[in-house]
Amino acid sequence: RLSKLANEYAEVYSVGRILYQFVSGSPFQTGTLDVIRNASELSSKGKSVARGPLAGQSPALISLLEHVLIPRGEDRVRTLEGFTKASKATFLTLKNAT
């Protein structure tokens, strides 16, 4: 059971890294988690991200990246099913905003 959970957690993290590269146009590297944390903090204060790889991204998309990639937190997405639900909700939010 623990092995299965560890594998699924690793798959979610890998998908999150791919999503980050797709959204930002930048490779996932040392410091990327700080970029996501900083963008999330700005978004939570109602401010837009003006600089860096996540500049101009929606708060919903930044939140999805945070919940998939930041290793701690009660809202952390830990399963592929959770990722599917979170990403569907995010993309629906983005679609409705346009």
N, C-alpha and C. Protein backbone atom coordinates (compact mmCIF):
# COMPACT_ATOMS: atom_id res chain seq x y z
N ARG A 1 0.83 -1.20 0.00
CA ARG A 1 0.00 0.00 0.00
C ARG A 1 0.86 1.25 0.00
N LEU A 2 1.87 1.32 0.84
CA LEU A 2 2.74 2.49 0.92
C LEU A 2 3.50 2.70 -0.39
N SER A 3 3.93 1.61 -0.99
CA SER A 3 4.64 1.69 -2.26
C SER A 3 3.75 2.28 -3.35
N LYS A 4 2.49 1.85 -3.37
CA LYS A 4 1.55 2.37 -4.37
C LYS A 4 1.33 3.86 -4.17
N LEU A 5 1.17 4.30 -2.93
CA LEU A 5 0.98 5.72 -2.64
C LEU A 5 2.21 6.53 -3.03
N ALA A 6 3.39 5.99 -2.77
CA ALA A 6 4.63 6.69 -3.14
C ALA A 6 4.75 6.81 -4.65
N ASN A 7 4.39 5.77 -5.37
CA ASN A 7 4.44 5.82 -6.83
C ASN A 7 3.45 6.85 -7.38
N GLU A 8 2.25 6.88 -6.82
CA GLU A 8 1.25 7.82 -7.30
C GLU A 8 1.67 9.26 -6.98
N TYR A 9 2.22 9.46 -5.81
CA TYR A 9 2.72 10.79 -5.43
C TYR A 9 3.80 11.24 -6.41
N ALA A 10 4.70 10.34 -6.78
CA ALA A 10 5.77 10.66 -7.73
C ALA A 10 5.19 10.98 -9.11
N GLU A 11 4.16 10.27 -9.52
CA GLU A 11 3.53 10.55 -10.81
C GLU A 11 2.87 11.92 -10.81
N VAL A 12 2.18 12.27 -9.74
CA VAL A 12 1.54 13.58 -9.64
C VAL A 12 2.61 14.67 -9.70
N TYR A 13 3.68 14.47 -8.97
CA TYR A 13 4.77 15.46 -8.96
C TYR A 13 5.36 15.61 -10.36
N SER A 14 5.55 14.51 -11.07
CA SER A 14 6.09 14.55 -12.43
C SER A 14 5.16 15.29 -13.38
N VAL A 15 3.88 15.03 -13.28
CA VAL A 15 2.90 15.73 -14.11
C VAL A 15 2.91 17.22 -13.77
N GLY A 16 3.06 17.54 -12.51
CA GLY A 16 3.14 18.94 -12.09
C GLY A 16 4.35 19.64 -12.68
N ARG A 17 5.47 18.95 -12.73
CA ARG A 17 6.68 19.54 -13.34
C ARG A 17 6.46 19.81 -14.82
N ILE A 18 5.81 18.89 -15.51
CA ILE A 18 5.50 19.08 -16.93
C ILE A 18 4.54 20.26 -17.10
N LEU A 19 3.52 20.33 -16.26
CA LEU A 19 2.58 21.44 -16.31
C LEU A 19 3.29 22.77 -16.10
N TYR A 20 4.21 22.81 -15.13
CA TYR A 20 4.97 24.04 -14.88
C TYR A 20 5.74 24.45 -16.14
N GLN A 21 6.41 23.53 -16.78
CA GLN A 21 7.17 23.85 -17.99
C GLN A 21 6.24 24.33 -19.10
N PHE A 22 5.11 23.72 -19.24
CA PHE A 22 4.14 24.10 -20.25
C PHE A 22 3.63 25.53 -20.00
N VAL A 23 3.29 25.82 -18.75
CA VAL A 23 2.72 27.12 -18.39
C VAL A 23 3.76 28.23 -18.42
N SER A 24 4.94 27.96 -17.92
CA SER A 24 5.95 29.00 -17.77
C SER A 24 6.90 29.14 -18.95
N GLY A 25 7.04 28.07 -19.72
CA GLY A 25 8.03 28.09 -20.79
C GLY A 25 9.44 27.94 -20.27
N SER A 26 9.58 27.64 -19.00
CA SER A 26 10.90 27.49 -18.36
C SER A 26 11.04 26.09 -17.81
N PRO A 27 12.26 25.58 -17.81
CA PRO A 27 12.47 24.25 -17.22
C PRO A 27 12.32 24.29 -15.71
N PHE A 28 11.87 23.19 -15.16
CA PHE A 28 11.80 23.04 -13.71
C PHE A 28 13.22 22.87 -13.21
N GLN A 29 13.64 23.69 -12.26
CA GLN A 29 15.03 23.66 -11.80
C GLN A 29 15.11 24.10 -10.34
N THR A 30 16.29 24.15 -9.82
CA THR A 30 16.50 24.64 -8.47
C THR A 30 15.92 26.05 -8.37
N GLY A 31 15.12 26.29 -7.37
CA GLY A 31 14.50 27.60 -7.18
C GLY A 31 13.08 27.69 -7.69
N THR A 32 12.64 26.69 -8.46
CA THR A 32 11.29 26.74 -9.03
C THR A 32 10.22 26.73 -7.95
N LEU A 33 10.40 25.96 -6.91
CA LEU A 33 9.39 25.92 -5.84
C LEU A 33 9.26 27.29 -5.18
N ASP A 34 10.37 28.02 -5.04
CA ASP A 34 10.31 29.38 -4.50
C ASP A 34 9.56 30.31 -5.44
N VAL A 35 9.76 30.15 -6.74
CA VAL A 35 9.03 30.95 -7.73
C VAL A 35 7.53 30.72 -7.57
N ILE A 36 7.14 29.47 -7.41
CA ILE A 36 5.72 29.13 -7.25
C ILE A 36 5.19 29.69 -5.93
N ARG A 37 5.94 29.54 -4.85
CA ARG A 37 5.51 30.09 -3.55
C ARG A 37 5.32 31.60 -3.63
N ASN A 38 6.29 32.30 -4.22
CA ASN A 38 6.21 33.76 -4.33
C ASN A 38 5.01 34.19 -5.18
N ALA A 39 4.79 33.50 -6.30
CA ALA A 39 3.65 33.82 -7.16
C ALA A 39 2.34 33.56 -6.42
N SER A 40 2.30 32.49 -5.66
CA SER A 40 1.09 32.17 -4.89
C SER A 40 0.82 33.22 -3.83
N GLU A 41 1.87 33.67 -3.17
CA GLU A 41 1.71 34.70 -2.14
C GLU A 41 1.16 35.99 -2.75
N LEU A 42 1.70 36.40 -3.90
CA LEU A 42 1.19 37.59 -4.57
C LEU A 42 -0.27 37.41 -4.96
N SER A 43 -0.59 36.26 -5.54
CA SER A 43 -1.97 35.98 -5.97
C SER A 43 -2.94 36.01 -4.80
N SER A 44 -2.51 35.47 -3.68
CA SER A 44 -3.40 35.43 -2.51
C SER A 44 -3.67 36.83 -1.96
N LYS A 45 -2.80 37.78 -2.28
CA LYS A 45 -2.98 39.18 -1.86
C LYS A 45 -3.71 39.99 -2.93
N GLY A 46 -4.15 39.31 -4.01
CA GLY A 46 -4.86 39.99 -5.07
C GLY A 46 -3.96 40.72 -6.04
N LYS A 47 -2.68 40.45 -5.98
CA LYS A 47 -1.72 41.10 -6.88
C LYS A 47 -1.37 40.15 -8.02
N SER A 48 -1.08 40.72 -9.17
CA SER A 48 -0.67 39.88 -10.29
C SER A 48 0.85 39.70 -10.27
N VAL A 49 1.30 38.64 -10.86
CA VAL A 49 2.74 38.35 -10.95
C VAL A 49 3.26 39.12 -12.16
N ALA A 50 4.13 40.08 -11.91
CA ALA A 50 4.59 40.97 -12.98
C ALA A 50 5.89 40.51 -13.62
N ARG A 51 6.69 39.74 -12.88
CA ARG A 51 7.98 39.31 -13.41
C ARG A 51 8.20 37.84 -13.17
N GLY A 52 9.11 37.27 -13.92
CA GLY A 52 9.48 35.88 -13.74
C GLY A 52 8.70 34.95 -14.64
N PRO A 53 8.96 33.67 -14.52
CA PRO A 53 8.36 32.69 -15.43
C PRO A 53 6.84 32.56 -15.31
N LEU A 54 6.27 32.99 -14.20
CA LEU A 54 4.81 32.89 -14.04
C LEU A 54 4.11 34.24 -14.22
N ALA A 55 4.82 35.21 -14.77
CA ALA A 55 4.25 36.54 -15.00
C ALA A 55 3.01 36.43 -15.88
N GLY A 56 1.95 37.10 -15.43
CA GLY A 56 0.73 37.15 -16.21
C GLY A 56 -0.17 35.92 -16.09
N GLN A 57 0.24 34.91 -15.36
CA GLN A 57 -0.58 33.70 -15.21
C GLN A 57 -1.72 33.96 -14.23
N SER A 58 -2.80 33.26 -14.43
CA SER A 58 -3.98 33.45 -13.58
C SER A 58 -3.72 32.88 -12.18
N PRO A 59 -4.38 33.47 -11.18
CA PRO A 59 -4.26 32.95 -9.81
C PRO A 59 -4.70 31.48 -9.73
N ALA A 60 -5.70 31.09 -10.51
CA ALA A 60 -6.18 29.69 -10.48
C ALA A 60 -5.09 28.73 -10.94
N LEU A 61 -4.37 29.10 -11.98
CA LEU A 61 -3.31 28.23 -12.49
C LEU A 61 -2.13 28.19 -11.53
N ILE A 62 -1.80 29.31 -10.94
CA ILE A 62 -0.72 29.35 -9.95
C ILE A 62 -1.10 28.48 -8.74
N SER A 63 -2.35 28.55 -8.34
CA SER A 63 -2.83 27.73 -7.22
C SER A 63 -2.72 26.24 -7.55
N LEU A 64 -3.09 25.87 -8.77
CA LEU A 64 -2.97 24.46 -9.17
C LEU A 64 -1.51 24.01 -9.09
N LEU A 65 -0.60 24.81 -9.61
CA LEU A 65 0.82 24.46 -9.54
C LEU A 65 1.27 24.29 -8.10
N GLU A 66 0.83 25.21 -7.26
CA GLU A 66 1.21 25.14 -5.84
C GLU A 66 0.70 23.85 -5.21
N HIS A 67 -0.56 23.52 -5.46
CA HIS A 67 -1.14 22.34 -4.81
C HIS A 67 -0.58 21.02 -5.34
N VAL A 68 -0.01 21.06 -6.53
CA VAL A 68 0.57 19.85 -7.10
C VAL A 68 2.04 19.71 -6.73
N LEU A 69 2.76 20.82 -6.65
CA LEU A 69 4.22 20.74 -6.51
C LEU A 69 4.78 21.05 -5.13
N ILE A 70 4.11 21.89 -4.36
CA ILE A 70 4.65 22.24 -3.04
C ILE A 70 4.41 21.04 -2.11
N PRO A 71 5.48 20.53 -1.52
CA PRO A 71 5.38 19.24 -0.81
C PRO A 71 4.57 19.23 0.48
N ARG A 72 4.31 20.37 1.07
CA ARG A 72 3.56 20.36 2.32
C ARG A 72 2.30 21.19 2.18
N GLY A 73 1.35 20.88 3.01
CA GLY A 73 0.11 21.64 3.02
C GLY A 73 -1.08 20.71 2.96
N GLU A 74 -2.13 21.11 3.62
CA GLU A 74 -3.30 20.24 3.68
C GLU A 74 -4.04 20.17 2.35
N ASP A 75 -3.84 21.15 1.48
CA ASP A 75 -4.50 21.14 0.17
C ASP A 75 -3.66 20.46 -0.90
N ARG A 76 -2.58 19.84 -0.50
CA ARG A 76 -1.65 19.19 -1.43
C ARG A 76 -2.36 18.09 -2.22
N VAL A 77 -2.21 18.12 -3.54
CA VAL A 77 -2.76 17.06 -4.38
C VAL A 77 -1.81 15.87 -4.31
N ARG A 78 -2.32 14.73 -3.88
CA ARG A 78 -1.46 13.57 -3.65
C ARG A 78 -1.74 12.39 -4.58
N THR A 79 -2.86 12.45 -5.29
CA THR A 79 -3.24 11.32 -6.15
C THR A 79 -3.53 11.81 -7.56
N LEU A 80 -3.48 10.89 -8.51
CA LEU A 80 -3.80 11.25 -9.88
C LEU A 80 -5.28 11.64 -10.00
N GLU A 81 -6.13 10.99 -9.24
CA GLU A 81 -7.54 11.36 -9.23
C GLU A 81 -7.71 12.79 -8.70
N GLY A 82 -6.97 13.11 -7.66
CA GLY A 82 -7.00 14.47 -7.11
C GLY A 82 -6.49 15.49 -8.12
N PHE A 83 -5.44 15.12 -8.85
CA PHE A 83 -4.92 16.02 -9.89
C PHE A 83 -5.96 16.24 -10.98
N THR A 84 -6.63 15.18 -11.38
CA THR A 84 -7.66 15.30 -12.42
C THR A 84 -8.77 16.24 -11.97
N LYS A 85 -9.24 16.08 -10.75
CA LYS A 85 -10.30 16.94 -10.23
C LYS A 85 -9.83 18.39 -10.13
N ALA A 86 -8.64 18.59 -9.59
CA ALA A 86 -8.12 19.95 -9.42
C ALA A 86 -7.87 20.63 -10.76
N SER A 87 -7.33 19.91 -11.73
CA SER A 87 -7.06 20.52 -13.02
C SER A 87 -8.35 20.81 -13.78
N LYS A 88 -9.34 19.93 -13.69
CA LYS A 88 -10.63 20.20 -14.34
C LYS A 88 -11.26 21.47 -13.77
N ALA A 89 -11.23 21.59 -12.45
CA ALA A 89 -11.80 22.78 -11.80
C ALA A 89 -11.04 24.04 -12.23
N THR A 90 -9.72 23.94 -12.31
CA THR A 90 -8.91 25.09 -12.71
C THR A 90 -9.21 25.49 -14.15
N PHE A 91 -9.23 24.52 -15.04
CA PHE A 91 -9.46 24.85 -16.45
C PHE A 91 -10.89 25.35 -16.69
N LEU A 92 -11.84 24.88 -15.91
CA LEU A 92 -13.19 25.40 -15.99
C LEU A 92 -13.22 26.87 -15.54
N THR A 93 -12.51 27.17 -14.47
CA THR A 93 -12.40 28.55 -14.00
C THR A 93 -11.78 29.44 -15.07
N LEU A 94 -10.72 28.96 -15.71
CA LEU A 94 -10.05 29.73 -16.76
C LEU A 94 -10.99 29.94 -17.94
N LYS A 95 -11.71 28.90 -18.32
CA LYS A 95 -12.64 28.99 -19.45
C LYS A 95 -13.74 30.01 -19.16
N ASN A 96 -14.28 29.99 -17.96
CA ASN A 96 -15.36 30.90 -17.59
C ASN A 96 -14.88 32.35 -17.45
N ALA A 97 -13.58 32.53 -17.24
CA ALA A 97 -13.03 33.88 -17.09
C ALA A 97 -12.83 34.57 -18.44
N THR A 98 -12.83 33.80 -19.52
CA THR A 98 -12.60 34.42 -20.83
C THR A 98 -13.87 34.77 -21.54
